[in-house]
PDB file of N, CA and C in Angstrom:
ATOM      1  N   MET A   1      -3.597 -15.578  11.069  1.00  0.00           N
ATOM      2  CA  MET A   1      -3.319 -15.012   9.427  1.00  0.00           C
ATOM      3  C   MET A   1      -4.355 -14.970   8.844  1.00  0.00           C
ATOM      4  N   ARG A   2      -4.583 -13.974   7.996  1.00  0.00           N
ATOM      5  CA  ARG A   2      -5.318 -13.910   6.800  1.00  0.00           C
ATOM      6  C   ARG A   2      -4.827 -14.442   5.579  1.00  0.00           C
ATOM      7  N   GLU A   3      -5.386 -15.310   4.781  1.00  0.00           N
ATOM      8  CA  GLU A   3      -4.757 -15.117   3.295  1.00  0.00           C
ATOM      9  C   GLU A   3      -5.804 -14.963   2.151  1.00  0.00           C
ATOM     10  N   ILE A   4      -5.069 -14.389   1.135  1.00  0.00           N
ATOM     11  CA  ILE A   4      -5.256 -13.849   0.236  1.00  0.00           C
ATOM     12  C   ILE A   4      -5.060 -14.958  -1.181  1.00  0.00           C
ATOM     13  N   THR A   5      -6.124 -15.284  -1.831  1.00  0.00           N
ATOM     14  CA  THR A   5      -5.743 -15.999  -3.218  1.00  0.00           C
ATOM     15  C   THR A   5      -5.473 -14.911  -4.381  1.00  0.00           C
ATOM     16  N   LEU A   6      -4.402 -14.921  -4.943  1.00  0.00           N
ATOM     17  CA  LEU A   6      -4.674 -13.907  -6.169  1.00  0.00           C
ATOM     18  C   LEU A   6      -5.121 -14.482  -7.462  1.00  0.00           C
ATOM     19  N   SER A   7      -5.396 -13.848  -8.346  1.00  0.00           N
ATOM     20  CA  SER A   7      -6.043 -14.350  -9.834  1.00  0.00           C
ATOM     21  C   SER A   7      -5.125 -15.499 -10.205  1.00  0.00           C
ATOM     22  N   THR A   8      -4.133 -15.120  -9.983  1.00  0.00           N
ATOM     23  CA  THR A   8      -2.720 -15.969 -10.571  1.00  0.00           C
ATOM     24  C   THR A   8      -2.783 -17.387  -9.887  1.00  0.00           C
ATOM     25  N   GLY A   9      -3.326 -17.526  -8.532  1.00  0.00           N
ATOM     26  CA  GLY A   9      -3.302 -18.721  -7.659  1.00  0.00           C
ATOM     27  C   GLY A   9      -2.281 -18.227  -6.747  1.00  0.00           C
ATOM     28  N   LYS A  10      -1.355 -17.445  -6.898  1.00  0.00           N
ATOM     29  CA  LYS A  10      -0.464 -17.054  -5.572  1.00  0.00           C
ATOM     30  C   LYS A  10      -1.255 -16.801  -4.291  1.00  0.00           C
ATOM     31  N   LYS A  11      -0.596 -17.539  -3.561  1.00  0.00           N
ATOM     32  CA  LYS A  11      -1.128 -16.989  -1.979  1.00  0.00           C
ATOM     33  C   LYS A  11      -0.185 -16.493  -1.169  1.00  0.00           C
ATOM     34  N   VAL A  12      -0.867 -15.025  -0.557  1.00  0.00           N
ATOM     35  CA  VAL A  12      -0.275 -14.336   0.495  1.00  0.00           C
ATOM     36  C   VAL A  12      -1.042 -14.222   1.676  1.00  0.00           C
ATOM     37  N   GLY A  13      -0.057 -14.792   2.589  1.00  0.00           N
ATOM     38  CA  GLY A  13      -0.500 -14.432   3.720  1.00  0.00           C
ATOM     39  C   GLY A  13      -0.212 -13.305   4.543  1.00  0.00           C
ATOM     40  N   LEU A  14      -1.183 -12.766   5.504  1.00  0.00           N
ATOM     41  CA  LEU A  14      -1.145 -11.478   5.933  1.00  0.00           C
ATOM     42  C   LEU A  14      -1.147 -11.627   7.417  1.00  0.00           C
ATOM     43  N   ARG A  15      -0.335 -10.804   8.078  1.00  0.00           N
ATOM     44  CA  ARG A  15      -0.183 -11.115   9.441  1.00  0.00           C
ATOM     45  C   ARG A  15      -1.036 -10.021  10.379  1.00  0.00           C
ATOM     46  N   GLU A  16      -1.281 -10.379  11.472  1.00  0.00           N
ATOM     47  CA  GLU A  16      -1.936  -9.617  12.061  1.00  0.00           C
ATOM     48  C   GLU A  16      -1.040  -8.506  12.562  1.00  0.00           C
ATOM     49  N   LYS A  17      -1.256  -7.457  12.314  1.00  0.00           N
ATOM     50  CA  LYS A  17      -0.162  -6.248  12.612  1.00  0.00           C
ATOM     51  C   LYS A  17      -0.381  -6.063  14.170  1.00  0.00           C
ATOM     52  N   LYS A  18       0.988  -5.131  14.516  1.00  0.00           N
ATOM     53  CA  LYS A  18       0.748  -5.182  16.122  1.00  0.00           C
ATOM     54  C   LYS A  18       1.679  -3.838  16.304  1.00  0.00           C
ATOM     55  N   GLY A  19       1.614  -3.183  17.111  1.00  0.00           N
ATOM     56  CA  GLY A  19       2.145  -1.853  17.573  1.00  0.00           C
ATOM     57  C   GLY A  19       3.607  -1.706  16.749  1.00  0.00           C
ATOM     58  N   GLN A  20       4.530  -2.250  16.822  1.00  0.00           N
ATOM     59  CA  GLN A  20       5.663  -1.900  16.110  1.00  0.00           C
ATOM     60  C   GLN A  20       5.346  -2.163  14.760  1.00  0.00           C
ATOM     61  N   HIS A  21       4.547  -2.405  14.024  1.00  0.00           N
ATOM     62  CA  HIS A  21       4.345  -2.606  12.630  1.00  0.00           C
ATOM     63  C   HIS A  21       3.962  -0.873  12.413  1.00  0.00           C
ATOM     64  N   HIS A  22       3.301  -0.169  13.305  1.00  0.00           N
ATOM     65  CA  HIS A  22       3.272   1.258  12.763  1.00  0.00           C
ATOM     66  C   HIS A  22       4.786   1.702  12.685  1.00  0.00           C
ATOM     67  N   PHE A  23       5.245   1.620  13.656  1.00  0.00           N
ATOM     68  CA  PHE A  23       6.593   2.274  13.680  1.00  0.00           C
ATOM     69  C   PHE A  23       7.424   1.834  12.068  1.00  0.00           C
ATOM     70  N   ILE A  24       7.190   0.704  11.753  1.00  0.00           N
ATOM     71  CA  ILE A  24       7.985   0.155  10.491  1.00  0.00           C
ATOM     72  C   ILE A  24       7.468   0.767   9.337  1.00  0.00           C
ATOM     73  N   GLU A  25       6.292   1.062   9.740  1.00  0.00           N
ATOM     74  CA  GLU A  25       5.202   1.722   8.362  1.00  0.00           C
ATOM     75  C   GLU A  25       5.710   3.006   8.393  1.00  0.00           C
ATOM     76  N   ARG A  26       5.746   3.885   9.505  1.00  0.00           N
ATOM     77  CA  ARG A  26       6.105   5.356   9.738  1.00  0.00           C
ATOM     78  C   ARG A  26       7.743   5.576   8.848  1.00  0.00           C
ATOM     79  N   ARG A  27       8.450   4.711   9.517  1.00  0.00           N
ATOM     80  CA  ARG A  27       9.689   4.661   8.674  1.00  0.00           C
ATOM     81  C   ARG A  27       9.926   4.329   7.357  1.00  0.00           C
ATOM     82  N   LEU A  28       9.578   3.379   6.996  1.00  0.00           N
ATOM     83  CA  LEU A  28       9.242   2.904   5.365  1.00  0.00           C
ATOM     84  C   LEU A  28       9.037   4.177   4.499  1.00  0.00           C
ATOM     85  N   LEU A  29       8.006   5.092   5.197  1.00  0.00           N
ATOM     86  CA  LEU A  29       7.278   5.845   4.665  1.00  0.00           C
ATOM     87  C   LEU A  29       8.106   7.061   4.398  1.00  0.00           C
ATOM     88  N   ALA A  30       8.615   7.590   5.504  1.00  0.00           N
ATOM     89  CA  ALA A  30       9.715   8.529   5.309  1.00  0.00           C
ATOM     90  C   ALA A  30      10.813   8.318   4.654  1.00  0.00           C
ATOM     91  N   SER A  31      11.324   7.358   4.313  1.00  0.00           N
ATOM     92  CA  SER A  31      12.238   7.071   3.272  1.00  0.00           C
ATOM     93  C   SER A  31      11.594   7.137   2.024  1.00  0.00           C
ATOM     94  N   SER A  32      10.528   6.965   1.712  1.00  0.00           N
ATOM     95  CA  SER A  32      10.001   7.146   0.168  1.00  0.00           C
ATOM     96  C   SER A  32       9.256   7.862  -0.246  1.00  0.00           C
ATOM     97  N   ILE A  33       8.927   8.793   0.633  1.00  0.00           N
ATOM     98  CA  ILE A  33       8.109   9.729   0.449  1.00  0.00           C
ATOM     99  C   ILE A  33       8.996  11.330   0.861  1.00  0.00           C
ATOM    100  N   GLY A  34       9.143  11.994  -0.585  1.00  0.00           N
ATOM    101  CA  GLY A  34       9.712  13.463  -0.355  1.00  0.00           C
ATOM    102  C   GLY A  34       8.875  14.245   0.456  1.00  0.00           C
ATOM    103  N   GLU A  35       9.031  15.667   0.410  1.00  0.00           N
ATOM    104  CA  GLU A  35       8.617  16.711   0.971  1.00  0.00           C
ATOM    105  C   GLU A  35       7.147  16.867   0.160  1.00  0.00           C
ATOM    106  N   GLY A  36       6.374  17.661   0.980  1.00  0.00           N
ATOM    107  CA  GLY A  36       5.315  18.033   0.231  1.00  0.00           C
ATOM    108  C   GLY A  36       4.131  17.881   1.060  1.00  0.00           C
ATOM    109  N   GLY A  37       2.889  18.294   0.753  1.00  0.00           N
ATOM    110  CA  GLY A  37       1.693  18.186   1.144  1.00  0.00           C
ATOM    111  C   GLY A  37       1.374  16.651   0.606  1.00  0.00           C
ATOM    112  N   GLN A  38      -0.106  16.344   1.281  1.00  0.00           N
ATOM    113  CA  GLN A  38      -0.640  15.075   1.115  1.00  0.00           C
ATOM    114  C   GLN A  38      -1.428  15.101  -0.343  1.00  0.00           C
ATOM    115  N   ASN A  39      -0.951  13.924  -1.134  1.00  0.00           N
ATOM    116  CA  ASN A  39      -1.739  13.863  -2.325  1.00  0.00           C
ATOM    117  C   ASN A  39      -2.050  12.457  -2.593  1.00  0.00           C
ATOM    118  N   LEU A  40      -2.743  12.328  -3.815  1.00  0.00           N
ATOM    119  CA  LEU A  40      -3.056  10.966  -4.319  1.00  0.00           C
ATOM    120  C   LEU A  40      -1.706  10.104  -4.459  1.00  0.00           C
ATOM    121  N   GLY A  41      -0.723  10.813  -4.671  1.00  0.00           N
ATOM    122  CA  GLY A  41       0.389   9.741  -4.952  1.00  0.00           C
ATOM    123  C   GLY A  41       1.179   9.402  -3.495  1.00  0.00           C
ATOM    124  N   SER A  42       1.195  10.559  -2.658  1.00  0.00           N
ATOM    125  CA  SER A  42       1.361   9.902  -1.290  1.00  0.00           C
ATOM    126  C   SER A  42       0.602   8.777  -0.642  1.00  0.00           C
ATOM    127  N   ILE A  43      -0.746   9.190  -0.933  1.00  0.00           N
ATOM    128  CA  ILE A  43      -1.719   8.358  -0.350  1.00  0.00           C
ATOM    129  C   ILE A  43      -1.499   6.682  -1.079  1.00  0.00           C
ATOM    130  N   MET A  44      -1.343   6.583  -2.157  1.00  0.00           N
ATOM    131  CA  MET A  44      -1.007   5.392  -2.769  1.00  0.00           C
ATOM    132  C   MET A  44       0.606   4.769  -2.232  1.00  0.00           C
ATOM    133  N   SER A  45       1.317   5.645  -1.965  1.00  0.00           N
ATOM    134  CA  SER A  45       2.835   5.111  -1.344  1.00  0.00           C
ATOM    135  C   SER A  45       2.297   4.549   0.134  1.00  0.00           C
ATOM    136  N   THR A  46       1.628   5.202   0.701  1.00  0.00           N
ATOM    137  CA  THR A  46       1.083   5.005   1.936  1.00  0.00           C
ATOM    138  C   THR A  46       0.302   3.639   1.767  1.00  0.00           C
ATOM    139  N   VAL A  47      -0.705   3.306   1.089  1.00  0.00           N
ATOM    140  CA  VAL A  47      -1.231   1.827   0.802  1.00  0.00           C
ATOM    141  C   VAL A  47      -0.036   0.989   0.436  1.00  0.00           C
ATOM    142  N   ALA A  48       1.097   1.308  -0.541  1.00  0.00           N
ATOM    143  CA  ALA A  48       1.750   0.190  -0.788  1.00  0.00           C
ATOM    144  C   ALA A  48       2.549  -0.058   0.499  1.00  0.00           C
ATOM    145  N   VAL A  49       3.138   0.888   1.238  1.00  0.00           N
ATOM    146  CA  VAL A  49       4.005   0.553   2.103  1.00  0.00           C
ATOM    147  C   VAL A  49       3.019  -0.184   3.371  1.00  0.00           C
ATOM    148  N   THR A  50       1.629   0.082   3.460  1.00  0.00           N
ATOM    149  CA  THR A  50       0.990  -0.602   4.450  1.00  0.00           C
ATOM    150  C   THR A  50       0.862  -1.934   3.876  1.00  0.00           C
ATOM    151  N   THR A  51       0.367  -2.614   2.670  1.00  0.00           N
ATOM    152  CA  THR A  51       0.739  -3.668   2.102  1.00  0.00           C
ATOM    153  C   THR A  51       1.822  -4.322   2.582  1.00  0.00           C
ATOM    154  N   ILE A  52       3.053  -4.194   2.070  1.00  0.00           N
ATOM    155  CA  ILE A  52       4.258  -4.674   2.215  1.00  0.00           C
ATOM    156  C   ILE A  52       4.121  -4.861   3.874  1.00  0.00           C
ATOM    157  N   VAL A  53       3.802  -4.049   4.908  1.00  0.00           N
ATOM    158  CA  VAL A  53       4.577  -4.563   6.037  1.00  0.00           C
ATOM    159  C   VAL A  53       3.335  -5.579   6.584  1.00  0.00           C
ATOM    160  N   SER A  54       2.349  -5.752   5.841  1.00  0.00           N
ATOM    161  CA  SER A  54       1.350  -6.874   6.248  1.00  0.00           C
ATOM    162  C   SER A  54       1.577  -8.029   5.414  1.00  0.00           C
ATOM    163  N   ILE A  55       2.341  -8.324   4.769  1.00  0.00           N
ATOM    164  CA  ILE A  55       2.456  -9.417   4.145  1.00  0.00           C
ATOM    165  C   ILE A  55       3.777 -10.369   5.122  1.00  0.00           C
ATOM    166  N   GLU A  56       2.945 -11.526   5.441  1.00  0.00           N
ATOM    167  CA  GLU A  56       3.835 -12.578   6.132  1.00  0.00           C
ATOM    168  C   GLU A  56       4.427 -13.520   5.679  1.00  0.00           C
ATOM    169  N   SER A  57       3.864 -14.177   4.366  1.00  0.00           N
ATOM    170  CA  SER A  57       4.032 -15.190   3.545  1.00  0.00           C
ATOM    171  C   SER A  57       3.848 -15.194   2.272  1.00  0.00           C
ATOM    172  N   ILE A  58       4.597 -15.722   1.550  1.00  0.00           N
ATOM    173  CA  ILE A  58       4.339 -15.716   0.036  1.00  0.00           C
ATOM    174  C   ILE A  58       4.010 -17.268  -0.496  1.00  0.00           C
ATOM    175  N   ASP A  59       2.722 -17.768  -0.851  1.00  0.00           N
ATOM    176  CA  ASP A  59       2.715 -19.258  -1.147  1.00  0.00           C
ATOM    177  C   ASP A  59       3.370 -20.163   0.038  1.00  0.00           C
ATOM    178  N   GLY A  60       2.827 -19.918   0.973  1.00  0.00           N
ATOM    179  CA  GLY A  60       3.551 -20.517   2.126  1.00  0.00           C
ATOM    180  C   GLY A  60       4.954 -20.494   2.595  1.00  0.00           C
ATOM    181  N   GLU A  61       5.912 -19.551   2.261  1.00  0.00           N
ATOM    182  CA  GLU A  61       7.169 -19.177   2.672  1.00  0.00           C
ATOM    183  C   GLU A  61       7.024 -17.839   3.273  1.00  0.00           C
ATOM    184  N   LYS A  62       7.454 -18.133   4.408  1.00  0.00           N
ATOM    185  CA  LYS A  62       7.709 -16.808   5.724  1.00  0.00           C
ATOM    186  C   LYS A  62       8.684 -15.583   4.466  1.00  0.00           C
ATOM    187  N   VAL A  63       7.942 -14.323   4.714  1.00  0.00           N
ATOM    188  CA  VAL A  63       9.033 -13.514   4.286  1.00  0.00           C
ATOM    189  C   VAL A  63       9.277 -12.644   5.448  1.00  0.00           C
ATOM    190  N   LYS A  64      10.689 -11.933   5.266  1.00  0.00           N
ATOM    191  CA  LYS A  64      11.122 -10.955   6.082  1.00  0.00           C
ATOM    192  C   LYS A  64      10.366  -9.513   5.862  1.00  0.00           C
ATOM    193  N   THR A  65      10.043  -8.728   7.216  1.00  0.00           N
ATOM    194  CA  THR A  65       9.265  -7.608   6.835  1.00  0.00           C
ATOM    195  C   THR A  65      10.803  -6.635   6.438  1.00  0.00           C
ATOM    196  N   PRO A  66      10.805  -5.779   5.391  1.00  0.00           N
ATOM    197  CA  PRO A  66      11.561  -4.740   4.895  1.00  0.00           C
ATOM    198  C   PRO A  66      11.982  -3.931   5.749  1.00  0.00           C
ATOM    199  N   ASP A  67      13.206  -3.120   5.727  1.00  0.00           N
ATOM    200  CA  ASP A  67      13.358  -2.267   6.773  1.00  0.00           C
ATOM    201  C   ASP A  67      13.769  -1.054   5.682  1.00  0.00           C
ATOM    202  N   ASP A  68      14.134  -1.196   4.533  1.00  0.00           N
ATOM    203  CA  ASP A  68      14.751  -0.053   3.806  1.00  0.00           C
ATOM    204  C   ASP A  68      14.189  -0.192   2.357  1.00  0.00           C
ATOM    205  N   LEU A  69      14.256   0.572   1.575  1.00  0.00           N
ATOM    206  CA  LEU A  69      13.966   0.602   0.094  1.00  0.00           C
ATOM    207  C   LEU A  69      14.281  -0.538  -0.454  1.00  0.00           C
ATOM    208  N   THR A  70      15.745  -1.294  -0.441  1.00  0.00           N
ATOM    209  CA  THR A  70      16.246  -2.042  -1.154  1.00  0.00           C
ATOM    210  C   THR A  70      15.264  -3.391  -0.659  1.00  0.00           C
ATOM    211  N   GLY A  71      14.717  -3.577   0.508  1.00  0.00           N
ATOM    212  CA  GLY A  71      13.873  -4.698   0.757  1.00  0.00           C
ATOM    213  C   GLY A  71      12.355  -4.402   0.585  1.00  0.00           C
ATOM    214  N   ILE A  72      12.265  -3.455   0.453  1.00  0.00           N
ATOM    215  CA  ILE A  72      10.664  -3.159  -0.472  1.00  0.00           C
ATOM    216  C   ILE A  72      10.856  -3.576  -1.536  1.00  0.00           C
ATOM    217  N   TYR A  73      11.727  -3.279  -2.593  1.00  0.00           N
ATOM    218  CA  TYR A  73      11.965  -3.851  -3.869  1.00  0.00           C
ATOM    219  C   TYR A  73      12.201  -5.154  -3.973  1.00  0.00           C
ATOM    220  N   GLU A  74      12.984  -5.801  -3.265  1.00  0.00           N
ATOM    221  CA  GLU A  74      12.959  -7.326  -3.149  1.00  0.00           C
ATOM    222  C   GLU A  74      11.693  -7.797  -3.103  1.00  0.00           C
ATOM    223  N   LEU A  75      10.764  -7.587  -2.162  1.00  0.00           N
ATOM    224  CA  LEU A  75       9.713  -8.044  -1.709  1.00  0.00           C
ATOM    225  C   LEU A  75       8.763  -8.324  -3.001  1.00  0.00           C
ATOM    226  N   MET A  76       8.535  -6.636  -3.523  1.00  0.00           N
ATOM    227  CA  MET A  76       7.679  -6.662  -4.485  1.00  0.00           C
ATOM    228  C   MET A  76       7.682  -7.229  -5.950  1.00  0.00           C
ATOM    229  N   ASP A  77       9.187  -7.705  -5.863  1.00  0.00           N
ATOM    230  CA  ASP A  77       9.689  -8.516  -7.010  1.00  0.00           C
ATOM    231  C   ASP A  77       8.857  -9.924  -7.011  1.00  0.00           C
ATOM    232  N   ASN A  78       8.528 -10.352  -5.977  1.00  0.00           N
ATOM    233  CA  ASN A  78       7.739 -11.517  -6.058  1.00  0.00           C
ATOM    234  C   ASN A  78       6.284 -11.251  -6.865  1.00  0.00           C
ATOM    235  N   PHE A  79       5.984 -10.509  -7.377  1.00  0.00           N
ATOM    236  CA  PHE A  79       4.617  -9.993  -7.708  1.00  0.00           C
ATOM    237  C   PHE A  79       4.759  -9.680  -9.039  1.00  0.00           C
ATOM    238  N   THR A  80       3.948  -9.929 -10.072  1.00  0.00           N
ATOM    239  CA  THR A  80       3.932  -9.136 -11.330  1.00  0.00           C
ATOM    240  C   THR A  80       3.215  -7.520 -11.147  1.00  0.00           C
ATOM    241  N   TYR A  81       3.164  -7.178 -11.974  1.00  0.00           N
ATOM    242  CA  TYR A  81       2.495  -5.570 -11.813  1.00  0.00           C
ATOM    243  C   TYR A  81       0.961  -5.928 -11.364  1.00  0.00           C
ATOM    244  N   ASP A  82       0.410  -6.566 -12.394  1.00  0.00           N
ATOM    245  CA  ASP A  82      -1.057  -7.020 -12.007  1.00  0.00           C
ATOM    246  C   ASP A  82      -1.396  -7.531 -10.620  1.00  0.00           C
ATOM    247  N   GLU A  83      -0.471  -8.390 -10.420  1.00  0.00           N
ATOM    248  CA  GLU A  83      -0.726  -9.264  -8.969  1.00  0.00           C
ATOM    249  C   GLU A  83      -0.290  -8.142  -7.789  1.00  0.00           C
ATOM    250  N   TRP A  84       0.341  -7.279  -7.868  1.00  0.00           N
ATOM    251  CA  TRP A  84       0.638  -6.295  -6.992  1.00  0.00           C
ATOM    252  C   TRP A  84      -0.604  -5.501  -6.754  1.00  0.00           C
ATOM    253  N   ASN A  85      -1.108  -5.062  -7.865  1.00  0.00           N
ATOM    254  CA  ASN A  85      -2.405  -4.100  -8.017  1.00  0.00           C
ATOM    255  C   ASN A  85      -3.564  -4.986  -7.456  1.00  0.00           C
ATOM    256  N   GLU A  86      -3.827  -5.994  -7.482  1.00  0.00           N
ATOM    257  CA  GLU A  86      -4.975  -7.169  -6.876  1.00  0.00           C
ATOM    258  C   GLU A  86      -4.608  -7.267  -5.585  1.00  0.00           C
ATOM    259  N   LEU A  87      -3.272  -7.271  -5.167  1.00  0.00           N
ATOM    260  CA  LEU A  87      -3.130  -7.568  -4.012  1.00  0.00           C
ATOM    261  C   LEU A  87      -3.315  -6.133  -2.714  1.00  0.00           C
ATOM    262  N   GLU A  88      -3.035  -5.500  -3.455  1.00  0.00           N
ATOM    263  CA  GLU A  88      -3.080  -3.750  -2.756  1.00  0.00           C
ATOM    264  C   GLU A  88      -4.704  -3.669  -2.599  1.00  0.00           C
ATOM    265  N   LYS A  89      -5.776  -3.703  -3.400  1.00  0.00           N
ATOM    266  CA  LYS A  89      -7.124  -3.821  -3.351  1.00  0.00           C
ATOM    267  C   LYS A  89      -7.673  -4.807  -2.458  1.00  0.00           C
ATOM    268  N   LYS A  90      -7.322  -6.159  -2.402  1.00  0.00           N
ATOM    269  CA  LYS A  90      -8.029  -6.892  -1.497  1.00  0.00           C
ATOM    270  C   LYS A  90      -7.310  -6.727  -0.195  1.00  0.00           C
ATOM    271  N   SER A  91      -6.146  -6.211   0.028  1.00  0.00           N
ATOM    272  CA  SER A  91      -5.531  -6.318   1.236  1.00  0.00           C
ATOM    273  C   SER A  91      -6.213  -5.059   2.307  1.00  0.00           C
ATOM    274  N   LEU A  92      -6.585  -3.896   1.500  1.00  0.00           N
ATOM    275  CA  LEU A  92      -6.969  -2.964   2.053  1.00  0.00           C
ATOM    276  C   LEU A  92      -8.274  -2.702   2.766  1.00  0.00           C
ATOM    277  N   PRO A  93      -8.543  -2.522   4.070  1.00  0.00           N
ATOM    278  CA  PRO A  93      -9.581  -2.336   4.965  1.00  0.00           C
ATOM    279  C   PRO A  93     -10.696  -1.493   3.993  1.00  0.00           C
ATOM    280  N   ALA A  94     -12.006  -2.085   4.144  1.00  0.00           N
ATOM    281  CA  ALA A  94     -13.163  -1.263   3.562  1.00  0.00           C
ATOM    282  C   ALA A  94     -12.937   0.149   3.552  1.00  0.00           C
ATOM    283  N   ASP A  95     -12.723   0.887   4.849  1.00  0.00           N
ATOM    284  CA  ASP A  95     -12.960   2.197   5.062  1.00  0.00           C
ATOM    285  C   ASP A  95     -11.853   2.728   4.486  1.00  0.00           C
ATOM    286  N   THR A  96     -10.572   2.077   4.467  1.00  0.00           N
ATOM    287  CA  THR A  96      -9.474   2.741   3.546  1.00  0.00           C
ATOM    288  C   THR A  96      -9.564   2.803   2.230  1.00  0.00           C
ATOM    289  N   GLN A  97     -10.231   1.807   1.365  1.00  0.00           N
ATOM    290  CA  GLN A  97     -10.378   1.569   0.256  1.00  0.00           C
ATOM    291  C   GLN A  97     -11.630   2.738  -0.373  1.00  0.00           C
ATOM    292  N   LYS A  98     -12.595   3.334   0.839  1.00  0.00           N
ATOM    293  CA  LYS A  98     -13.297   4.159   0.218  1.00  0.00           C
ATOM    294  C   LYS A  98     -13.011   5.440   0.306  1.00  0.00           C
ATOM    295  N   LYS A  99     -11.790   5.970   1.494  1.00  0.00           N
ATOM    296  CA  LYS A  99     -11.356   6.721   1.416  1.00  0.00           C
ATOM    297  C   LYS A  99     -10.323   7.198   0.079  1.00  0.00           C
ATOM    298  N   LEU A 100      -9.615   6.093  -0.450  1.00  0.00           N
ATOM    299  CA  LEU A 100      -8.851   6.585  -1.633  1.00  0.00           C
ATOM    300  C   LEU A 100      -9.757   6.501  -2.866  1.00  0.00           C
ATOM    301  N   ASP A 101     -10.635   5.874  -2.671  1.00  0.00           N
ATOM    302  CA  ASP A 101     -12.218   6.211  -3.860  1.00  0.00           C
ATOM    303  C   ASP A 101     -12.029   7.287  -3.974  1.00  0.00           C
ATOM    304  N   GLU A 102     -12.604   7.799  -2.570  1.00  0.00           N
ATOM    305  CA  GLU A 102     -13.023   9.357  -2.720  1.00  0.00           C
ATOM    306  C   GLU A 102     -12.148  10.523  -2.822  1.00  0.00           C
ATOM    307  N   ALA A 103     -11.038  10.297  -2.780  1.00  0.00           N
ATOM    308  CA  ALA A 103      -9.778  11.226  -2.914  1.00  0.00           C
ATOM    309  C   ALA A 103      -9.386  11.042  -4.583  1.00  0.00           C
ATOM    310  N   ALA A 104      -9.531  10.217  -4.803  1.00  0.00           N
ATOM    311  CA  ALA A 104      -9.280   9.973  -6.727  1.00  0.00           C
ATOM    312  C   ALA A 104     -10.639  10.757  -7.238  1.00  0.00           C
ATOM    313  N   LYS A 105     -11.729  10.523  -6.718  1.00  0.00           N
ATOM    314  CA  LYS A 105     -13.060  11.119  -7.205  1.00  0.00           C
ATOM    315  C   LYS A 105     -12.552  12.351  -7.263  1.00  0.00           C
ATOM    316  N   ASN A 106     -12.313  13.002  -6.207  1.00  0.00           N
ATOM    317  CA  ASN A 106     -12.232  14.559  -5.797  1.00  0.00           C
ATOM    318  C   ASN A 106     -11.338  15.194  -6.932  1.00  0.00           C
ATOM    319  N   LEU A 107     -10.366  14.321  -7.056  1.00  0.00           N
ATOM    320  CA  LEU A 107      -9.000  14.903  -7.941  1.00  0.00           C
ATOM    321  C   LEU A 107      -9.340  14.756  -9.329  1.00  0.00           C
ATOM    322  N   GLN A 108     -10.357  14.021  -9.935  1.00  0.00           N
ATOM    323  CA  GLN A 108     -10.873  14.083 -11.080  1.00  0.00           C
ATOM    324  C   GLN A 108     -12.066  15.184 -11.319  1.00  0.00           C
ATOM    325  N   ASN A 109     -12.476  15.797  -9.886  1.00  0.00           N
ATOM    326  CA  ASN A 109     -13.427  16.829 -10.412  1.00  0.00           C
ATOM    327  C   ASN A 109     -13.102  17.688 -10.150  1.00  0.00           C
ATOM    328  N   SER A 110     -11.722  18.127  -9.794  1.00  0.00           N
ATOM    329  CA  SER A 110     -10.816  19.519  -9.689  1.00  0.00           C
ATOM    330  C   SER A 110     -10.694  19.865 -10.755  1.00  0.00           C
ATOM    331  N   ASP A 111     -10.646  21.334 -10.788  1.00  0.00           N
ATOM    332  CA  ASP A 111     -10.369  21.833 -11.833  1.00  0.00           C
ATOM    333  C   ASP A 111      -8.671  22.387 -11.416  1.00  0.00           C
ATOM    334  N   GLY A 112      -8.430  22.107 -10.606  1.00  0.00           N
ATOM    335  CA  GLY A 112      -6.573  22.628 -10.399  1.00  0.00           C
ATOM    336  C   GLY A 112      -6.704  23.607  -9.817  1.00  0.00           C
ATOM    337  N   SER A 113      -7.798  24.340  -9.560  1.00  0.00           N
ATOM    338  CA  SER A 113      -7.457  25.730  -8.971  1.00  0.00           C
ATOM    339  C   SER A 113      -8.279  25.724  -7.354  1.00  0.00           C
ATOM    340  N   ASP A 114      -7.707  26.451  -6.430  1.00  0.00           N
ATOM    341  CA  ASP A 114      -8.590  26.424  -5.051  1.00  0.00           C
ATOM    342  C   ASP A 114      -9.445  27.616  -5.120  1.00  0.00           C
ATOM    343  N   ASN A 115      -9.209  28.291  -6.090  1.00  0.00           N
ATOM    344  CA  ASN A 115      -9.810  29.848  -6.203  1.00  0.00           C
ATOM    345  C   ASN A 115     -11.102  29.713  -7.030  1.00  0.00           C
ATOM    346  N   GLU A 116     -11.981  30.388  -6.900  1.00  0.00           N
ATOM    347  CA  GLU A 116     -13.137  30.559  -7.890  1.00  0.00           C
ATOM    348  C   GLU A 116     -13.332  31.961  -8.252  1.00  0.00           C
ATOM    349  N   SER A 117     -13.455  31.761  -9.555  1.00  0.00           N
ATOM    350  CA  SER A 117     -13.441  33.195 -10.293  1.00  0.00           C
ATOM    351  C   SER A 117     -14.723  33.752 -10.505  1.00  0.00           C
ATOM    352  N   ASN A 118     -15.211  34.930 -10.615  1.00  0.00           N
ATOM    353  CA  ASN A 118     -16.593  35.497 -10.476  1.00  0.00           C
ATOM    354  C   ASN A 118     -16.482  36.086 -11.790  1.00  0.00           C
TER     355      ASN A 118
END
């Protein structure tokens, strides 16, 4: 188990994910993301769900992996807004963080149109 200590002193234990965790993540994503193409919002939802499923303990107390939106809200209620942002950043694998940063940069550089005018 990997442990992350947030700037507030809260300790979050991250589990070693196994095969079933992919299923849990996909199920939670399906219930929390509506129809439509992939955009930064859906990427951010993916990051949140991936972080949620990875949490094994908070300040040494084991937590149950949520299996629905109510469970997600209850688990996230253990964190302040700033703590959650910090946890997401610290728990992401480096390659995922790089992809997220690149997607955000591409959205900032976009003029909102896929068509070039001559």
